[in-house]
Amino acid sequence: HKPIIPQVGKATLELLEKLNVDVMYPLGQTCCGQPMANSGYEYES
């Protein structure tokens, strides 16, 4: 799942691949909706 900071995503990918995990990155993903929910607009998410 897409992280906020690019280098964290890169490190996560490389780490999981070192651990022999077959990783895929869906390009259609966006935010999980948490910011809206935390701001009181849960159903807008």
All heavy atoms as atom14 arrays in JSON, in Angstrom:
{
  "sequence": "HKPIIPQVGKATLELLEKLNVDVMYPLGQTCCGQPMANSGYEYES",
  "atom14_mask": [
    [1, 1, 1, 1, 1, 1, 1, 1, 1, 1, 0, 0, 0, 0],
    [1, 1, 1, 1, 1, 1, 1, 1, 1, 0, 0, 0, 0, 0],
    [1, 1, 1, 1, 1, 1, 1, 0, 0, 0, 0, 0, 0, 0],
    [1, 1, 1, 1, 1, 1, 1, 1, 0, 0, 0, 0, 0, 0],
    [1, 1, 1, 1, 1, 1, 1, 1, 0, 0, 0, 0, 0, 0],
    [1, 1, 1, 1, 1, 1, 1, 0, 0, 0, 0, 0, 0, 0],
    [1, 1, 1, 1, 1, 1, 1, 1, 1, 0, 0, 0, 0, 0],
    [1, 1, 1, 1, 1, 1, 1, 0, 0, 0, 0, 0, 0, 0],
    [1, 1, 1, 1, 0, 0, 0, 0, 0, 0, 0, 0, 0, 0],
    [1, 1, 1, 1, 1, 1, 1, 1, 1, 0, 0, 0, 0, 0],
    [1, 1, 1, 1, 1, 0, 0, 0, 0, 0, 0, 0, 0, 0],
    [1, 1, 1, 1, 1, 1, 1, 0, 0, 0, 0, 0, 0, 0],
    [1, 1, 1, 1, 1, 1, 1, 1, 0, 0, 0, 0, 0, 0],
    [1, 1, 1, 1, 1, 1, 1, 1, 1, 0, 0, 0, 0, 0],
    [1, 1, 1, 1, 1, 1, 1, 1, 0, 0, 0, 0, 0, 0],
    [1, 1, 1, 1, 1, 1, 1, 1, 0, 0, 0, 0, 0, 0],
    [1, 1, 1, 1, 1, 1, 1, 1, 1, 0, 0, 0, 0, 0],
    [1, 1, 1, 1, 1, 1, 1, 1, 1, 0, 0, 0, 0, 0],
    [1, 1, 1, 1, 1, 1, 1, 1, 0, 0, 0, 0, 0, 0],
    [1, 1, 1, 1, 1, 1, 1, 1, 0, 0, 0, 0, 0, 0],
    [1, 1, 1, 1, 1, 1, 1, 0, 0, 0, 0, 0, 0, 0],
    [1, 1, 1, 1, 1, 1, 1, 1, 0, 0, 0, 0, 0, 0],
    [1, 1, 1, 1, 1, 1, 1, 0, 0, 0, 0, 0, 0, 0],
    [1, 1, 1, 1, 1, 1, 1, 1, 0, 0, 0, 0, 0, 0],
    [1, 1, 1, 1, 1, 1, 1, 1, 1, 1, 1, 1, 0, 0],
    [1, 1, 1, 1, 1, 1, 1, 0, 0, 0, 0, 0, 0, 0],
    [1, 1, 1, 1, 1, 1, 1, 1, 0, 0, 0, 0, 0, 0],
    [1, 1, 1, 1, 0, 0, 0, 0, 0, 0, 0, 0, 0, 0],
    [1, 1, 1, 1, 1, 1, 1, 1, 1, 0, 0, 0, 0, 0],
    [1, 1, 1, 1, 1, 1, 1, 0, 0, 0, 0, 0, 0, 0],
    [1, 1, 1, 1, 1, 1, 0, 0, 0, 0, 0, 0, 0, 0],
    [1, 1, 1, 1, 1, 1, 0, 0, 0, 0, 0, 0, 0, 0],
    [1, 1, 1, 1, 0, 0, 0, 0, 0, 0, 0, 0, 0, 0],
    [1, 1, 1, 1, 1, 1, 1, 1, 1, 0, 0, 0, 0, 0],
    [1, 1, 1, 1, 1, 1, 1, 0, 0, 0, 0, 0, 0, 0],
    [1, 1, 1, 1, 1, 1, 1, 1, 0, 0, 0, 0, 0, 0],
    [1, 1, 1, 1, 1, 0, 0, 0, 0, 0, 0, 0, 0, 0],
    [1, 1, 1, 1, 1, 1, 1, 1, 0, 0, 0, 0, 0, 0],
    [1, 1, 1, 1, 1, 1, 0, 0, 0, 0, 0, 0, 0, 0],
    [1, 1, 1, 1, 0, 0, 0, 0, 0, 0, 0, 0, 0, 0],
    [1, 1, 1, 1, 1, 1, 1, 1, 1, 1, 1, 1, 0, 0],
    [1, 1, 1, 1, 1, 1, 1, 1, 1, 0, 0, 0, 0, 0],
    [1, 1, 1, 1, 1, 1, 1, 1, 1, 1, 1, 1, 0, 0],
    [1, 1, 1, 1, 1, 1, 1, 1, 1, 0, 0, 0, 0, 0],
    [1, 1, 1, 1, 1, 1, 0, 0, 0, 0, 0, 0, 0, 0]
  ],
  "atom14_positions": [
    [[0.85, -1.2, 0.0], [0.0, 0.0, 0.0], [0.88, 1.25, 0.0], [1.89, 1.31, 0.69], [-0.91, 0.0, 1.23], [-1.66, 1.29, 1.41], [-2.32, 1.9, 0.38], [-1.84, 2.07, 2.51], [-2.9, 3.0, 0.83], [-2.61, 3.14, 2.11], [0.0, 0.0, 0.0], [0.0, 0.0, 0.0], [0.0, 0.0, 0.0], [0.0, 0.0, 0.0]],
    [[0.5, 2.22, -0.77], [1.27, 3.44, -1.0], [1.59, 4.19, 0.31], [0.7, 4.54, 1.07], [0.45, 4.37, -1.9], [1.14, 5.68, -2.25], [0.24, 6.5, -3.16], [0.89, 7.81, -3.56], [0.0, 8.6, -4.42], [0.0, 0.0, 0.0], [0.0, 0.0, 0.0], [0.0, 0.0, 0.0], [0.0, 0.0, 0.0], [0.0, 0.0, 0.0]],
    [[2.88, 4.47, 0.58], [3.25, 5.24, 1.76], [3.24, 6.73, 1.45], [3.02, 7.13, 0.32], [4.68, 4.78, 2.01], [5.21, 4.52, 0.63], [4.03, 4.0, -0.18], [0.0, 0.0, 0.0], [0.0, 0.0, 0.0], [0.0, 0.0, 0.0], [0.0, 0.0, 0.0], [0.0, 0.0, 0.0], [0.0, 0.0, 0.0], [0.0, 0.0, 0.0]],
    [[3.48, 7.54, 2.48], [3.48, 8.99, 2.29], [4.82, 9.47, 1.74], [4.88, 10.36, 0.91], [3.18, 9.69, 3.63], [1.82, 9.24, 4.16], [3.19, 11.2, 3.49], [1.52, 9.69, 5.57], [0.0, 0.0, 0.0], [0.0, 0.0, 0.0], [0.0, 0.0, 0.0], [0.0, 0.0, 0.0], [0.0, 0.0, 0.0], [0.0, 0.0, 0.0]],
    [[5.92, 8.91, 2.23], [7.26, 9.37, 1.87], [7.9, 8.36, 0.92], [8.01, 7.18, 1.24], [8.12, 9.54, 3.13], [7.45, 10.53, 4.1], [9.53, 10.01, 2.78], [8.17, 10.7, 5.41], [0.0, 0.0, 0.0], [0.0, 0.0, 0.0], [0.0, 0.0, 0.0], [0.0, 0.0, 0.0], [0.0, 0.0, 0.0], [0.0, 0.0, 0.0]],
    [[8.34, 8.78, -0.27], [8.83, 7.84, -1.29], [9.93, 6.9, -0.83], [9.88, 5.71, -1.15], [9.33, 8.78, -2.4], [8.52, 10.02, -2.23], [8.32, 10.17, -0.75], [0.0, 0.0, 0.0], [0.0, 0.0, 0.0], [0.0, 0.0, 0.0], [0.0, 0.0, 0.0], [0.0, 0.0, 0.0], [0.0, 0.0, 0.0], [0.0, 0.0, 0.0]],
    [[10.92, 7.4, -0.06], [12.03, 6.53, 0.32], [11.59, 5.41, 1.26], [12.21, 4.34, 1.3], [13.18, 7.33, 0.96], [12.86, 7.97, 2.3], [12.4, 9.4, 2.16], [11.85, 9.78, 1.12], [12.62, 10.21, 3.19], [0.0, 0.0, 0.0], [0.0, 0.0, 0.0], [0.0, 0.0, 0.0], [0.0, 0.0, 0.0], [0.0, 0.0, 0.0]],
    [[10.5, 5.63, 1.98], [9.98, 4.58, 2.86], [9.35, 3.47, 2.03], [9.53, 2.29, 2.32], [8.95, 5.16, 3.86], [8.33, 4.06, 4.7], [9.6, 6.21, 4.74], [0.0, 0.0, 0.0], [0.0, 0.0, 0.0], [0.0, 0.0, 0.0], [0.0, 0.0, 0.0], [0.0, 0.0, 0.0], [0.0, 0.0, 0.0], [0.0, 0.0, 0.0]],
    [[8.63, 3.84, 0.98], [8.07, 2.85, 0.08], [9.15, 2.04, -0.61], [9.04, 0.81, -0.72], [0.0, 0.0, 0.0], [0.0, 0.0, 0.0], [0.0, 0.0, 0.0], [0.0, 0.0, 0.0], [0.0, 0.0, 0.0], [0.0, 0.0, 0.0], [0.0, 0.0, 0.0], [0.0, 0.0, 0.0], [0.0, 0.0, 0.0], [0.0, 0.0, 0.0]],
    [[10.21, 2.7, -1.04], [11.31, 2.0, -1.69], [11.98, 1.02, -0.73], [12.26, -0.13, -1.09], [12.35, 3.02, -2.19], [13.54, 2.39, -2.9], [14.52, 3.45, -3.38], [15.73, 2.8, -4.05], [16.73, 3.81, -4.48], [0.0, 0.0, 0.0], [0.0, 0.0, 0.0], [0.0, 0.0, 0.0], [0.0, 0.0, 0.0], [0.0, 0.0, 0.0]],
    [[12.23, 1.47, 0.5], [12.87, 0.59, 1.5], [11.98, -0.6, 1.81], [12.46, -1.73, 1.98], [13.18, 1.38, 2.77], [0.0, 0.0, 0.0], [0.0, 0.0, 0.0], [0.0, 0.0, 0.0], [0.0, 0.0, 0.0], [0.0, 0.0, 0.0], [0.0, 0.0, 0.0], [0.0, 0.0, 0.0], [0.0, 0.0, 0.0], [0.0, 0.0, 0.0]],
    [[10.66, -0.36, 1.91], [9.71, -1.44, 2.19], [9.72, -2.47, 1.07], [9.76, -3.69, 1.33], [8.29, -0.88, 2.36], [8.29, 0.07, 3.44], [7.3, -1.98, 2.66], [0.0, 0.0, 0.0], [0.0, 0.0, 0.0], [0.0, 0.0, 0.0], [0.0, 0.0, 0.0], [0.0, 0.0, 0.0], [0.0, 0.0, 0.0], [0.0, 0.0, 0.0]],
    [[9.7, -2.01, -0.16], [9.74, -2.91, -1.32], [11.02, -3.75, -1.31], [10.97, -4.97, -1.44], [9.65, -2.1, -2.61], [9.88, -2.87, -3.91], [8.8, -3.92, -4.11], [9.91, -1.91, -5.1], [0.0, 0.0, 0.0], [0.0, 0.0, 0.0], [0.0, 0.0, 0.0], [0.0, 0.0, 0.0], [0.0, 0.0, 0.0], [0.0, 0.0, 0.0]],
    [[12.16, -3.08, -1.16], [13.44, -3.8, -1.18], [13.54, -4.81, -0.03], [14.02, -5.93, -0.21], [14.6, -2.8, -1.1], [14.73, -1.94, -2.36], [15.83, -0.9, -2.25], [16.38, -0.73, -1.13], [16.14, -0.26, -3.27], [0.0, 0.0, 0.0], [0.0, 0.0, 0.0], [0.0, 0.0, 0.0], [0.0, 0.0, 0.0], [0.0, 0.0, 0.0]],
    [[13.06, -4.42, 1.14], [13.11, -5.3, 2.3], [12.25, -6.55, 2.08], [12.69, -7.68, 2.33], [12.64, -4.55, 3.54], [12.51, -5.35, 4.83], [13.86, -5.92, 5.25], [11.93, -4.47, 5.94], [0.0, 0.0, 0.0], [0.0, 0.0, 0.0], [0.0, 0.0, 0.0], [0.0, 0.0, 0.0], [0.0, 0.0, 0.0], [0.0, 0.0, 0.0]],
    [[11.03, -6.36, 1.61], [10.14, -7.5, 1.37], [10.7, -8.42, 0.29], [10.59, -9.66, 0.4], [8.75, -7.01, 0.99], [7.94, -6.36, 2.11], [6.64, -5.78, 1.56], [7.65, -7.34, 3.24], [0.0, 0.0, 0.0], [0.0, 0.0, 0.0], [0.0, 0.0, 0.0], [0.0, 0.0, 0.0], [0.0, 0.0, 0.0], [0.0, 0.0, 0.0]],
    [[11.31, -7.86, -0.73], [11.9, -8.7, -1.78], [13.09, -9.49, -1.25], [13.3, -10.64, -1.64], [12.31, -7.83, -2.97], [11.1, -7.31, -3.74], [11.47, -6.48, -4.97], [12.6, -5.93, -5.0], [10.63, -6.37, -5.88], [0.0, 0.0, 0.0], [0.0, 0.0, 0.0], [0.0, 0.0, 0.0], [0.0, 0.0, 0.0], [0.0, 0.0, 0.0]],
    [[13.87, -8.88, -0.34], [14.96, -9.62, 0.3], [14.43, -10.82, 1.09], [15.11, -11.83, 1.24], [15.74, -8.7, 1.25], [16.62, -7.68, 0.59], [17.27, -6.79, 1.64], [18.05, -5.65, 1.02], [18.62, -4.74, 2.06], [0.0, 0.0, 0.0], [0.0, 0.0, 0.0], [0.0, 0.0, 0.0], [0.0, 0.0, 0.0], [0.0, 0.0, 0.0]],
    [[13.22, -10.68, 1.6], [12.6, -11.74, 2.4], [11.78, -12.69, 1.52], [10.96, -13.46, 2.01], [11.71, -11.11, 3.49], [12.46, -10.26, 4.52], [11.49, -9.55, 5.44], [13.45, -11.11, 5.32], [0.0, 0.0, 0.0], [0.0, 0.0, 0.0], [0.0, 0.0, 0.0], [0.0, 0.0, 0.0], [0.0, 0.0, 0.0], [0.0, 0.0, 0.0]],
    [[12.03, -12.61, 0.2], [11.43, -13.52, -0.79], [9.9, -13.39, -0.9], [9.2, -14.36, -1.16], [11.8, -14.97, -0.47], [13.31, -15.21, -0.53], [13.96, -14.78, -1.48], [13.85, -15.86, 0.48], [0.0, 0.0, 0.0], [0.0, 0.0, 0.0], [0.0, 0.0, 0.0], [0.0, 0.0, 0.0], [0.0, 0.0, 0.0], [0.0, 0.0, 0.0]],
    [[9.42, -12.17, -0.7], [8.0, -11.9, -0.89], [7.78, -11.4, -2.32], [8.52, -10.54, -2.8], [7.49, -10.84, 0.11], [6.03, -10.51, -0.16], [7.68, -11.34, 1.54], [0.0, 0.0, 0.0], [0.0, 0.0, 0.0], [0.0, 0.0, 0.0], [0.0, 0.0, 0.0], [0.0, 0.0, 0.0], [0.0, 0.0, 0.0], [0.0, 0.0, 0.0]],
    [[6.79, -11.95, -2.98], [6.44, -11.51, -4.33], [5.56, -10.28, -4.21], [4.38, -10.37, -3.86], [5.7, -12.63, -5.07], [5.39, -12.29, -6.51], [5.96, -11.3, -7.03], [4.57, -12.99, -7.12], [0.0, 0.0, 0.0], [0.0, 0.0, 0.0], [0.0, 0.0, 0.0], [0.0, 0.0, 0.0], [0.0, 0.0, 0.0], [0.0, 0.0, 0.0]],
    [[6.13, -9.1, -4.48], [5.44, -7.84, -4.22], [4.89, -7.23, -5.51], [5.58, -7.17, -6.53], [6.4, -6.82, -3.56], [5.66, -5.51, -3.26], [7.0, -7.39, -2.28], [0.0, 0.0, 0.0], [0.0, 0.0, 0.0], [0.0, 0.0, 0.0], [0.0, 0.0, 0.0], [0.0, 0.0, 0.0], [0.0, 0.0, 0.0], [0.0, 0.0, 0.0]],
    [[3.66, -6.76, -5.42], [3.05, -6.02, -6.52], [2.55, -4.68, -5.97], [2.22, -4.57, -4.79], [1.91, -6.79, -7.16], [2.34, -8.07, -7.85], [0.98, -8.9, -8.7], [0.64, -7.7, -10.01], [0.0, 0.0, 0.0], [0.0, 0.0, 0.0], [0.0, 0.0, 0.0], [0.0, 0.0, 0.0], [0.0, 0.0, 0.0], [0.0, 0.0, 0.0]],
    [[2.51, -3.69, -6.84], [2.1, -2.34, -6.44], [0.97, -1.86, -7.35], [1.22, -1.41, -8.47], [3.3, -1.4, -6.53], [3.03, 0.0, -6.04], [3.31, 0.36, -4.73], [2.5, 0.97, -6.89], [3.06, 1.64, -4.27], [2.24, 2.25, -6.43], [2.53, 2.58, -5.13], [2.27, 3.85, -4.68], [0.0, 0.0, 0.0], [0.0, 0.0, 0.0]],
    [[-0.28, -1.96, -6.93], [-1.4, -1.52, -7.78], [-1.35, -0.02, -8.05], [-1.36, 0.79, -7.12], [-2.63, -1.87, -6.94], [-2.17, -2.9, -5.96], [-0.75, -2.54, -5.66], [0.0, 0.0, 0.0], [0.0, 0.0, 0.0], [0.0, 0.0, 0.0], [0.0, 0.0, 0.0], [0.0, 0.0, 0.0], [0.0, 0.0, 0.0], [0.0, 0.0, 0.0]],
    [[-1.32, 0.35, -9.29], [-1.18, 1.76, -9.65], [-2.47, 2.54, -9.47], [-2.46, 3.78, -9.46], [-0.69, 1.87, -11.1], [0.71, 1.33, -11.37], [1.05, 1.46, -12.85], [1.75, 2.06, -10.53], [0.0, 0.0, 0.0], [0.0, 0.0, 0.0], [0.0, 0.0, 0.0], [0.0, 0.0, 0.0], [0.0, 0.0, 0.0], [0.0, 0.0, 0.0]],
    [[-3.59, 1.86, -9.31], [-4.85, 2.55, -9.17], [-5.19, 2.97, -7.75], [-6.22, 3.59, -7.5], [0.0, 0.0, 0.0], [0.0, 0.0, 0.0], [0.0, 0.0, 0.0], [0.0, 0.0, 0.0], [0.0, 0.0, 0.0], [0.0, 0.0, 0.0], [0.0, 0.0, 0.0], [0.0, 0.0, 0.0], [0.0, 0.0, 0.0], [0.0, 0.0, 0.0]],
    [[-4.31, 2.63, -6.81], [-4.59, 2.93, -5.41], [-4.47, 4.42, -5.11], [-3.72, 5.14, -5.75], [-3.63, 2.15, -4.5], [-2.17, 2.53, -4.66], [-1.28, 1.8, -3.66], [-1.4, 2.0, -2.47], [-0.39, 0.97, -4.18], [0.0, 0.0, 0.0], [0.0, 0.0, 0.0], [0.0, 0.0, 0.0], [0.0, 0.0, 0.0], [0.0, 0.0, 0.0]],
    [[-5.26, 4.84, -4.11], [-5.16, 6.21, -3.6], [-5.1, 6.12, -2.08], [-4.74, 5.09, -1.53], [-6.37, 7.06, -4.04], [-7.58, 6.43, -3.57], [-6.44, 7.18, -5.56], [0.0, 0.0, 0.0], [0.0, 0.0, 0.0], [0.0, 0.0, 0.0], [0.0, 0.0, 0.0], [0.0, 0.0, 0.0], [0.0, 0.0, 0.0], [0.0, 0.0, 0.0]],
    [[-5.48, 7.18, -1.4], [-5.51, 7.19, 0.06], [-6.53, 6.18, 0.59], [-7.56, 5.93, -0.05], [-5.86, 8.59, 0.54], [-6.07, 8.75, 2.32], [0.0, 0.0, 0.0], [0.0, 0.0, 0.0], [0.0, 0.0, 0.0], [0.0, 0.0, 0.0], [0.0, 0.0, 0.0], [0.0, 0.0, 0.0], [0.0, 0.0, 0.0], [0.0, 0.0, 0.0]],
    [[-6.29, 5.63, 1.77], [-7.23, 4.67, 2.38], [-8.47, 5.36, 2.94], [-9.45, 4.7, 3.3], [-6.54, 3.88, 3.49], [-6.09, 4.86, 4.95], [0.0, 0.0, 0.0], [0.0, 0.0, 0.0], [0.0, 0.0, 0.0], [0.0, 0.0, 0.0], [0.0, 0.0, 0.0], [0.0, 0.0, 0.0], [0.0, 0.0, 0.0], [0.0, 0.0, 0.0]],
    [[-8.45, 6.69, 3.04], [-9.6, 7.43, 3.54], [-9.47, 7.93, 4.96], [-10.36, 8.63, 5.47], [0.0, 0.0, 0.0], [0.0, 0.0, 0.0], [0.0, 0.0, 0.0], [0.0, 0.0, 0.0], [0.0, 0.0, 0.0], [0.0, 0.0, 0.0], [0.0, 0.0, 0.0], [0.0, 0.0, 0.0], [0.0, 0.0, 0.0], [0.0, 0.0, 0.0]],
    [[-8.37, 7.61, 5.61], [-8.2, 7.97, 7.02], [-8.27, 9.48, 7.29], [-8.93, 9.89, 8.27], [-6.88, 7.41, 7.55], [-6.65, 7.72, 9.01], [-5.26, 7.37, 9.5], [-4.91, 7.67, 10.62], [-4.46, 6.73, 8.67], [0.0, 0.0, 0.0], [0.0, 0.0, 0.0], [0.0, 0.0, 0.0], [0.0, 0.0, 0.0], [0.0, 0.0, 0.0]],
    [[-7.62, 10.35, 6.51], [-7.65, 11.78, 6.82], [-9.06, 12.36, 6.9], [-9.36, 13.17, 7.78], [-6.85, 12.42, 5.67], [-5.92, 11.33, 5.23], [-6.72, 10.08, 5.36], [0.0, 0.0, 0.0], [0.0, 0.0, 0.0], [0.0, 0.0, 0.0], [0.0, 0.0, 0.0], [0.0, 0.0, 0.0], [0.0, 0.0, 0.0], [0.0, 0.0, 0.0]],
    [[-9.94, 11.95, 5.99], [-11.31, 12.44, 6.02], [-12.04, 11.95, 7.26], [-12.76, 12.7, 7.93], [-12.05, 12.0, 4.75], [-11.65, 12.77, 3.51], [-12.42, 12.14, 2.0], [-11.38, 10.74, 1.62], [0.0, 0.0, 0.0], [0.0, 0.0, 0.0], [0.0, 0.0, 0.0], [0.0, 0.0, 0.0], [0.0, 0.0, 0.0], [0.0, 0.0, 0.0]],
    [[-11.84, 10.68, 7.58], [-12.5, 10.11, 8.75], [-12.03, 10.8, 10.03], [-12.83, 11.11, 10.92], [-12.22, 8.61, 8.83], [0.0, 0.0, 0.0], [0.0, 0.0, 0.0], [0.0, 0.0, 0.0], [0.0, 0.0, 0.0], [0.0, 0.0, 0.0], [0.0, 0.0, 0.0], [0.0, 0.0, 0.0], [0.0, 0.0, 0.0], [0.0, 0.0, 0.0]],
    [[-10.73, 11.04, 10.13], [-10.17, 11.69, 11.32], [-10.65, 13.13, 11.48], [-10.63, 13.69, 12.58], [-8.64, 11.68, 11.27], [-8.07, 10.3, 11.58], [-8.8, 9.39, 11.93], [-6.76, 10.17, 11.45], [0.0, 0.0, 0.0], [0.0, 0.0, 0.0], [0.0, 0.0, 0.0], [0.0, 0.0, 0.0], [0.0, 0.0, 0.0], [0.0, 0.0, 0.0]],
    [[-11.09, 13.72, 10.37], [-11.54, 15.11, 10.41], [-13.04, 15.23, 10.63], [-13.59, 16.33, 10.61], [-11.16, 15.82, 9.1], [-9.76, 15.78, 8.9], [0.0, 0.0, 0.0], [0.0, 0.0, 0.0], [0.0, 0.0, 0.0], [0.0, 0.0, 0.0], [0.0, 0.0, 0.0], [0.0, 0.0, 0.0], [0.0, 0.0, 0.0], [0.0, 0.0, 0.0]],
    [[-13.71, 14.08, 10.83], [-15.14, 14.11, 11.08], [-16.0, 13.94, 9.85], [-17.21, 14.15, 9.9], [0.0, 0.0, 0.0], [0.0, 0.0, 0.0], [0.0, 0.0, 0.0], [0.0, 0.0, 0.0], [0.0, 0.0, 0.0], [0.0, 0.0, 0.0], [0.0, 0.0, 0.0], [0.0, 0.0, 0.0], [0.0, 0.0, 0.0], [0.0, 0.0, 0.0]],
    [[-15.38, 13.57, 8.71], [-16.12, 13.39, 7.47], [-16.01, 11.94, 6.99], [-15.74, 11.68, 5.82], [-15.57, 14.35, 6.39], [-15.71, 15.8, 6.77], [-14.66, 16.48, 7.38], [-16.9, 16.49, 6.54], [-14.78, 17.81, 7.74], [-17.04, 17.81, 6.9], [-15.98, 18.47, 7.5], [-16.11, 19.79, 7.86], [0.0, 0.0, 0.0], [0.0, 0.0, 0.0]],
    [[-16.25, 11.02, 7.91], [-16.03, 9.6, 7.62], [-16.8, 9.13, 6.39], [-16.26, 8.43, 5.53], [-16.43, 8.77, 8.84], [-16.07, 7.3, 8.7], [-16.27, 6.55, 10.0], [-17.39, 6.61, 10.56], [-15.32, 5.91, 10.46], [0.0, 0.0, 0.0], [0.0, 0.0, 0.0], [0.0, 0.0, 0.0], [0.0, 0.0, 0.0], [0.0, 0.0, 0.0]],
    [[-18.05, 9.54, 6.28], [-18.85, 9.05, 5.16], [-18.48, 9.68, 3.83], [-18.88, 9.2, 2.77], [-20.34, 9.22, 5.47], [-20.81, 8.19, 6.47], [-20.85, 8.5, 7.84], [-21.14, 6.9, 6.07], [-21.23, 7.53, 8.77], [-21.52, 5.94, 6.99], [-21.57, 6.25, 8.35], [-21.93, 5.3, 9.27], [0.0, 0.0, 0.0], [0.0, 0.0, 0.0]],
    [[-17.68, 10.74, 3.88], [-17.15, 11.32, 2.64], [-15.99, 10.47, 2.1], [-15.53, 10.7, 0.97], [-16.66, 12.75, 2.89], [-17.73, 13.72, 3.35], [-18.82, 13.91, 2.32], [-18.51, 13.88, 1.11], [-19.99, 14.07, 2.71], [0.0, 0.0, 0.0], [0.0, 0.0, 0.0], [0.0, 0.0, 0.0], [0.0, 0.0, 0.0], [0.0, 0.0, 0.0]],
    [[-15.52, 9.52, 2.9], [-14.38, 8.69, 2.48], [-14.81, 7.38, 1.85], [-13.96, 6.55, 1.51], [-13.49, 8.39, 3.7], [-14.14, 7.49, 4.6], [0.0, 0.0, 0.0], [0.0, 0.0, 0.0], [0.0, 0.0, 0.0], [0.0, 0.0, 0.0], [0.0, 0.0, 0.0], [0.0, 0.0, 0.0], [0.0, 0.0, 0.0], [0.0, 0.0, 0.0]]
  ]
}
